[in-house]
Amino acid sequence: MADEKRKFDVSLVTPEGPAFEGEAEMIIVPGAAGEIGVLARHAPLIATLKAGSTRVYLDRDSEDVREYATGPGFFKVEQDRAIALVDDAVLAKDVDDARAQAVERGESNADRWQLEQRIKHAENQLSVSGRT
């Protein structure tokens, strides 16, 4: 049926565990070359992700959307399943301004790339939450 809403399995996973797991009508992730939108029955895909806004549309008609500030990672789509593996995911409404602004730039146990990614992710959290 053409009007039938199709849902598919979506997982947004961090090293600490799943930030979101469930069915959705659409997911939009921050691909390294631009945003990637996926609906059910999307062609297989593998992509790298940059820090940005990941939006999970549970129901597009009711605008039931969960927005996350996500760090860099990887994205895979196969059959009716999408998996985003990211280094961090924070619901936009749960962003802690103080935590995002207090990223320490001088940690001795992190290399330059890791520090740059942490700073970008902190800036991204503030941007996604609308607090910049």
N, C-alpha and C. Protein backbone atom coordinates (compact mmCIF):
# COMPACT_ATOMS: atom_id res chain seq x y z
N MET A 1 0.83 -1.17 0.00
CA MET A 1 0.00 0.00 0.00
C MET A 1 0.89 1.24 0.00
N ALA A 2 0.64 2.20 -0.89
CA ALA A 2 1.50 3.36 -1.05
C ALA A 2 1.45 4.28 0.17
N ASP A 3 0.30 4.38 0.85
CA ASP A 3 0.16 5.28 1.99
C ASP A 3 0.71 4.68 3.27
N GLU A 4 0.98 3.40 3.27
CA GLU A 4 1.43 2.72 4.48
C GLU A 4 2.78 3.27 4.94
N LYS A 5 2.84 3.61 6.21
CA LYS A 5 4.09 4.08 6.78
C LYS A 5 4.97 2.89 7.06
N ARG A 6 6.16 2.92 6.55
CA ARG A 6 7.10 1.84 6.78
C ARG A 6 8.10 2.25 7.84
N LYS A 7 8.31 1.35 8.77
CA LYS A 7 9.29 1.58 9.82
C LYS A 7 10.40 0.55 9.68
N PHE A 8 11.53 0.85 10.29
CA PHE A 8 12.66 -0.07 10.26
C PHE A 8 13.41 0.06 11.58
N ASP A 9 14.27 -0.90 11.86
CA ASP A 9 15.02 -0.92 13.12
C ASP A 9 16.17 0.08 13.06
N VAL A 10 16.29 0.87 14.11
CA VAL A 10 17.34 1.88 14.21
C VAL A 10 18.06 1.70 15.53
N SER A 11 19.39 1.74 15.48
CA SER A 11 20.21 1.69 16.69
C SER A 11 21.22 2.82 16.64
N LEU A 12 21.29 3.59 17.71
CA LEU A 12 22.30 4.62 17.90
C LEU A 12 23.10 4.18 19.11
N VAL A 13 24.35 3.77 18.87
CA VAL A 13 25.13 3.09 19.90
C VAL A 13 26.43 3.84 20.20
N THR A 14 26.73 3.96 21.50
CA THR A 14 27.98 4.56 21.96
C THR A 14 28.79 3.48 22.68
N PRO A 15 30.04 3.76 23.03
CA PRO A 15 30.81 2.77 23.79
C PRO A 15 30.15 2.41 25.13
N GLU A 16 29.34 3.31 25.68
CA GLU A 16 28.66 3.03 26.95
C GLU A 16 27.39 2.20 26.77
N GLY A 17 26.94 2.05 25.52
CA GLY A 17 25.72 1.29 25.26
C GLY A 17 24.79 2.06 24.34
N PRO A 18 23.59 1.51 24.12
CA PRO A 18 22.66 2.15 23.19
C PRO A 18 22.10 3.47 23.74
N ALA A 19 22.10 4.50 22.89
CA ALA A 19 21.44 5.76 23.22
C ALA A 19 20.00 5.70 22.73
N PHE A 20 19.79 4.95 21.64
CA PHE A 20 18.43 4.73 21.12
C PHE A 20 18.41 3.38 20.41
N GLU A 21 17.35 2.63 20.66
CA GLU A 21 17.08 1.40 19.92
C GLU A 21 15.58 1.29 19.77
N GLY A 22 15.14 1.08 18.54
CA GLY A 22 13.71 0.95 18.30
C GLY A 22 13.38 1.10 16.84
N GLU A 23 12.09 1.23 16.57
CA GLU A 23 11.64 1.41 15.20
C GLU A 23 11.47 2.89 14.91
N ALA A 24 11.75 3.27 13.67
CA ALA A 24 11.60 4.66 13.25
C ALA A 24 11.19 4.69 11.79
N GLU A 25 10.66 5.83 11.38
CA GLU A 25 10.31 6.03 9.97
C GLU A 25 11.48 6.58 9.19
N MET A 26 12.36 7.33 9.88
CA MET A 26 13.50 7.94 9.19
C MET A 26 14.58 8.27 10.20
N ILE A 27 15.83 8.24 9.74
CA ILE A 27 16.96 8.74 10.52
C ILE A 27 17.79 9.62 9.62
N ILE A 28 18.28 10.71 10.19
CA ILE A 28 19.19 11.60 9.47
C ILE A 28 20.45 11.71 10.31
N VAL A 29 21.60 11.39 9.69
CA VAL A 29 22.89 11.41 10.38
C VAL A 29 23.83 12.40 9.70
N PRO A 30 24.83 12.91 10.45
CA PRO A 30 25.79 13.85 9.87
C PRO A 30 26.94 13.13 9.18
N GLY A 31 26.76 12.78 7.93
CA GLY A 31 27.82 12.12 7.18
C GLY A 31 29.01 13.03 6.97
N ALA A 32 30.17 12.45 6.75
CA ALA A 32 31.39 13.24 6.57
C ALA A 32 31.26 14.19 5.38
N ALA A 33 30.48 13.82 4.37
CA ALA A 33 30.31 14.67 3.18
C ALA A 33 28.97 15.40 3.17
N GLY A 34 28.20 15.30 4.24
CA GLY A 34 26.89 15.95 4.31
C GLY A 34 25.89 15.03 4.98
N GLU A 35 24.70 15.56 5.23
CA GLU A 35 23.68 14.76 5.91
C GLU A 35 23.21 13.60 5.05
N ILE A 36 22.90 12.49 5.73
CA ILE A 36 22.39 11.29 5.08
C ILE A 36 21.04 10.97 5.69
N GLY A 37 20.01 10.92 4.87
CA GLY A 37 18.68 10.56 5.33
C GLY A 37 18.33 9.17 4.85
N VAL A 38 17.77 8.36 5.75
CA VAL A 38 17.46 6.97 5.43
C VAL A 38 16.02 6.67 5.82
N LEU A 39 15.30 6.05 4.89
CA LEU A 39 13.95 5.54 5.12
C LEU A 39 14.00 4.02 5.04
N ALA A 40 12.91 3.38 5.37
CA ALA A 40 12.83 1.91 5.25
C ALA A 40 13.14 1.51 3.81
N ARG A 41 13.72 0.34 3.66
CA ARG A 41 14.06 -0.25 2.37
C ARG A 41 15.14 0.52 1.62
N HIS A 42 15.98 1.24 2.36
CA HIS A 42 17.10 1.98 1.77
C HIS A 42 18.14 0.99 1.26
N ALA A 43 18.85 1.38 0.24
CA ALA A 43 19.93 0.55 -0.30
C ALA A 43 21.04 0.42 0.76
N PRO A 44 21.76 -0.69 0.74
CA PRO A 44 22.87 -0.87 1.69
C PRO A 44 23.86 0.29 1.58
N LEU A 45 24.44 0.64 2.73
CA LEU A 45 25.31 1.82 2.79
C LEU A 45 26.24 1.71 3.98
N ILE A 46 27.47 2.17 3.80
CA ILE A 46 28.41 2.33 4.89
C ILE A 46 29.02 3.71 4.73
N ALA A 47 29.08 4.49 5.84
CA ALA A 47 29.59 5.85 5.77
C ALA A 47 30.27 6.23 7.07
N THR A 48 31.18 7.19 6.99
CA THR A 48 31.76 7.76 8.19
C THR A 48 30.90 8.96 8.61
N LEU A 49 30.87 9.18 9.91
CA LEU A 49 30.08 10.28 10.45
C LEU A 49 31.00 11.30 11.12
N LYS A 50 30.60 12.56 11.05
CA LYS A 50 31.30 13.61 11.78
C LYS A 50 30.41 14.03 12.95
N ALA A 51 30.94 14.81 13.85
CA ALA A 51 30.14 15.33 14.95
C ALA A 51 29.03 16.19 14.37
N GLY A 52 27.83 16.01 14.89
CA GLY A 52 26.70 16.78 14.37
C GLY A 52 25.40 16.37 15.02
N SER A 53 24.31 16.68 14.34
CA SER A 53 22.97 16.38 14.83
C SER A 53 22.46 15.11 14.17
N THR A 54 22.07 14.14 14.99
CA THR A 54 21.43 12.92 14.49
C THR A 54 19.97 12.99 14.92
N ARG A 55 19.08 12.85 13.95
CA ARG A 55 17.65 12.95 14.23
C ARG A 55 16.94 11.65 13.88
N VAL A 56 16.21 11.12 14.86
CA VAL A 56 15.45 9.89 14.67
C VAL A 56 13.97 10.28 14.64
N TYR A 57 13.33 10.06 13.49
CA TYR A 57 11.91 10.40 13.31
C TYR A 57 11.08 9.16 13.60
N LEU A 58 10.44 9.15 14.77
CA LEU A 58 9.60 8.02 15.15
C LEU A 58 8.31 8.04 14.34
N ASP A 59 7.77 9.23 14.11
CA ASP A 59 6.56 9.41 13.31
C ASP A 59 6.64 10.78 12.65
N ARG A 60 6.89 10.80 11.36
CA ARG A 60 7.10 12.07 10.66
C ARG A 60 5.85 12.95 10.67
N ASP A 61 4.66 12.36 10.63
CA ASP A 61 3.43 13.15 10.60
C ASP A 61 3.20 13.90 11.91
N SER A 62 3.50 13.28 13.02
CA SER A 62 3.28 13.94 14.32
C SER A 62 4.53 14.71 14.76
N GLU A 63 5.53 14.71 13.93
CA GLU A 63 6.81 15.38 14.23
C GLU A 63 7.42 14.86 15.53
N ASP A 64 7.26 13.56 15.78
CA ASP A 64 7.87 12.92 16.95
C ASP A 64 9.32 12.61 16.59
N VAL A 65 10.22 13.51 17.00
CA VAL A 65 11.63 13.43 16.62
C VAL A 65 12.49 13.42 17.87
N ARG A 66 13.50 12.56 17.88
CA ARG A 66 14.50 12.57 18.95
C ARG A 66 15.80 13.06 18.32
N GLU A 67 16.27 14.20 18.81
CA GLU A 67 17.50 14.77 18.28
C GLU A 67 18.63 14.56 19.27
N TYR A 68 19.77 14.11 18.74
CA TYR A 68 20.95 13.84 19.56
C TYR A 68 22.13 14.64 19.03
N ALA A 69 22.95 15.14 19.94
CA ALA A 69 24.26 15.68 19.58
C ALA A 69 25.19 14.47 19.59
N THR A 70 25.72 14.13 18.43
CA THR A 70 26.53 12.92 18.33
C THR A 70 27.96 13.27 17.92
N GLY A 71 28.87 12.45 18.38
CA GLY A 71 30.28 12.58 18.00
C GLY A 71 30.54 11.82 16.72
N PRO A 72 31.79 11.78 16.29
CA PRO A 72 32.14 11.07 15.06
C PRO A 72 31.95 9.56 15.21
N GLY A 73 31.83 8.89 14.07
CA GLY A 73 31.68 7.44 14.10
C GLY A 73 31.41 6.86 12.74
N PHE A 74 30.62 5.80 12.71
CA PHE A 74 30.33 5.07 11.48
C PHE A 74 28.84 4.78 11.39
N PHE A 75 28.36 4.60 10.16
CA PHE A 75 26.94 4.37 9.91
C PHE A 75 26.81 3.24 8.90
N LYS A 76 25.90 2.31 9.21
CA LYS A 76 25.69 1.17 8.31
C LYS A 76 24.20 0.94 8.14
N VAL A 77 23.81 0.74 6.89
CA VAL A 77 22.42 0.41 6.56
C VAL A 77 22.44 -0.91 5.81
N GLU A 78 21.59 -1.85 6.25
CA GLU A 78 21.44 -3.12 5.53
C GLU A 78 20.01 -3.59 5.72
N GLN A 79 19.38 -3.98 4.64
CA GLN A 79 17.99 -4.39 4.63
C GLN A 79 17.14 -3.37 5.37
N ASP A 80 16.41 -3.75 6.39
CA ASP A 80 15.59 -2.81 7.14
C ASP A 80 16.18 -2.55 8.52
N ARG A 81 17.47 -2.17 8.53
CA ARG A 81 18.17 -1.89 9.78
C ARG A 81 19.24 -0.83 9.54
N ALA A 82 19.31 0.15 10.43
CA ALA A 82 20.35 1.18 10.36
C ALA A 82 21.04 1.23 11.72
N ILE A 83 22.36 1.27 11.69
CA ILE A 83 23.15 1.31 12.92
C ILE A 83 24.14 2.46 12.83
N ALA A 84 24.08 3.35 13.80
CA ALA A 84 25.06 4.44 13.91
C ALA A 84 25.91 4.15 15.13
N LEU A 85 27.21 3.97 14.93
CA LEU A 85 28.16 3.74 16.01
C LEU A 85 28.93 5.04 16.20
N VAL A 86 28.72 5.70 17.32
CA VAL A 86 29.33 7.01 17.56
C VAL A 86 30.04 7.02 18.90
N ASP A 87 30.98 7.96 19.06
CA ASP A 87 31.72 7.97 20.33
C ASP A 87 30.93 8.59 21.47
N ASP A 88 29.86 9.35 21.17
CA ASP A 88 29.02 9.91 22.21
C ASP A 88 27.70 10.33 21.59
N ALA A 89 26.63 10.27 22.36
CA ALA A 89 25.31 10.71 21.90
C ALA A 89 24.56 11.27 23.11
N VAL A 90 24.14 12.53 23.00
CA VAL A 90 23.42 13.19 24.08
C VAL A 90 22.13 13.76 23.50
N LEU A 91 20.99 13.42 24.11
CA LEU A 91 19.73 14.01 23.68
C LEU A 91 19.86 15.52 23.77
N ALA A 92 19.39 16.22 22.73
CA ALA A 92 19.53 17.67 22.69
C ALA A 92 18.97 18.33 23.94
N LYS A 93 17.85 17.83 24.43
CA LYS A 93 17.23 18.44 25.62
C LYS A 93 18.01 18.15 26.90
N ASP A 94 18.94 17.18 26.85
CA ASP A 94 19.72 16.81 28.04
C ASP A 94 21.14 17.36 28.03
N VAL A 95 21.48 18.19 27.04
CA VAL A 95 22.84 18.72 26.96
C VAL A 95 23.12 19.56 28.19
N ASP A 96 24.24 19.28 28.82
CA ASP A 96 24.69 20.02 30.00
C ASP A 96 25.65 21.10 29.52
N ASP A 97 25.20 22.35 29.56
CA ASP A 97 26.02 23.47 29.07
C ASP A 97 27.39 23.49 29.73
N ALA A 98 27.42 23.33 31.04
CA ALA A 98 28.69 23.41 31.76
C ALA A 98 29.65 22.32 31.29
N ARG A 99 29.13 21.10 31.11
CA ARG A 99 29.98 19.99 30.66
C ARG A 99 30.51 20.26 29.26
N ALA A 100 29.65 20.75 28.38
CA ALA A 100 30.06 21.00 27.01
C ALA A 100 31.08 22.14 26.92
N GLN A 101 30.96 23.13 27.79
CA GLN A 101 31.87 24.26 27.75
C GLN A 101 33.17 24.00 28.49
N ALA A 102 33.21 22.96 29.32
CA ALA A 102 34.38 22.70 30.15
C ALA A 102 35.30 21.63 29.58
N VAL A 103 35.32 21.49 28.27
CA VAL A 103 36.21 20.50 27.67
C VAL A 103 37.65 20.91 27.94
N GLU A 104 38.38 20.02 28.56
CA GLU A 104 39.77 20.33 28.89
C GLU A 104 40.63 20.13 27.65
N ARG A 105 41.37 21.15 27.31
CA ARG A 105 42.21 21.11 26.11
C ARG A 105 43.61 20.57 26.40
N GLY A 106 43.97 20.40 27.64
CA GLY A 106 45.34 20.02 27.95
C GLY A 106 45.51 18.64 28.52
N GLU A 107 44.62 17.71 28.20
CA GLU A 107 44.77 16.36 28.74
C GLU A 107 46.01 15.70 28.16
N SER A 108 46.85 15.15 29.01
CA SER A 108 48.10 14.57 28.55
C SER A 108 47.92 13.18 27.94
N ASN A 109 46.82 12.51 28.25
CA ASN A 109 46.63 11.14 27.75
C ASN A 109 45.85 11.10 26.43
N ALA A 110 45.58 12.24 25.83
CA ALA A 110 44.83 12.25 24.58
C ALA A 110 45.68 12.91 23.49
N ASP A 111 45.64 12.35 22.31
CA ASP A 111 46.39 12.97 21.22
C ASP A 111 45.61 14.15 20.63
N ARG A 112 46.24 14.89 19.75
CA ARG A 112 45.65 16.10 19.19
C ARG A 112 44.31 15.83 18.52
N TRP A 113 44.22 14.75 17.72
CA TRP A 113 42.97 14.45 17.01
C TRP A 113 41.85 14.22 18.01
N GLN A 114 42.12 13.45 19.07
CA GLN A 114 41.09 13.18 20.07
C GLN A 114 40.62 14.48 20.73
N LEU A 115 41.55 15.36 21.04
CA LEU A 115 41.18 16.63 21.65
C LEU A 115 40.34 17.48 20.70
N GLU A 116 40.73 17.52 19.43
CA GLU A 116 39.96 18.28 18.45
C GLU A 116 38.55 17.73 18.33
N GLN A 117 38.43 16.40 18.33
CA GLN A 117 37.11 15.78 18.22
C GLN A 117 36.26 16.09 19.45
N ARG A 118 36.87 16.07 20.63
CA ARG A 118 36.13 16.39 21.85
C ARG A 118 35.64 17.83 21.84
N ILE A 119 36.50 18.74 21.37
CA ILE A 119 36.11 20.15 21.29
C ILE A 119 34.99 20.32 20.29
N LYS A 120 35.12 19.69 19.11
CA LYS A 120 34.06 19.77 18.09
C LYS A 120 32.75 19.21 18.64
N HIS A 121 32.85 18.11 19.37
CA HIS A 121 31.64 17.49 19.91
C HIS A 121 31.00 18.39 20.96
N ALA A 122 31.81 19.02 21.81
CA ALA A 122 31.27 19.93 22.81
C ALA A 122 30.59 21.12 22.13
N GLU A 123 31.23 21.68 21.12
CA GLU A 123 30.62 22.79 20.37
C GLU A 123 29.34 22.33 19.70
N ASN A 124 29.36 21.11 19.17
CA ASN A 124 28.18 20.55 18.52
C ASN A 124 27.02 20.39 19.50
N GLN A 125 27.31 19.95 20.72
CA GLN A 125 26.25 19.79 21.72
C GLN A 125 25.55 21.12 21.98
N LEU A 126 26.35 22.17 22.12
CA LEU A 126 25.76 23.49 22.35
C LEU A 126 24.96 23.95 21.15
N SER A 127 25.45 23.67 19.95
CA SER A 127 24.74 24.06 18.73
C SER A 127 23.43 23.31 18.57
N VAL A 128 23.46 21.99 18.76
CA VAL A 128 22.26 21.17 18.59
C VAL A 128 21.20 21.53 19.63
N SER A 129 21.65 21.87 20.83
CA SER A 129 20.69 22.20 21.88
C SER A 129 20.13 23.62 21.72
N GLY A 130 20.67 24.38 20.75
CA GLY A 130 20.20 25.73 20.49
C GLY A 130 20.70 26.75 21.49
N ARG A 131 21.79 26.43 22.15
CA ARG A 131 22.31 27.32 23.21
C ARG A 131 23.56 28.06 22.80
N THR A 132 23.84 28.16 21.50
CA THR A 132 25.02 28.94 21.09
C THR A 132 24.59 30.21 20.42
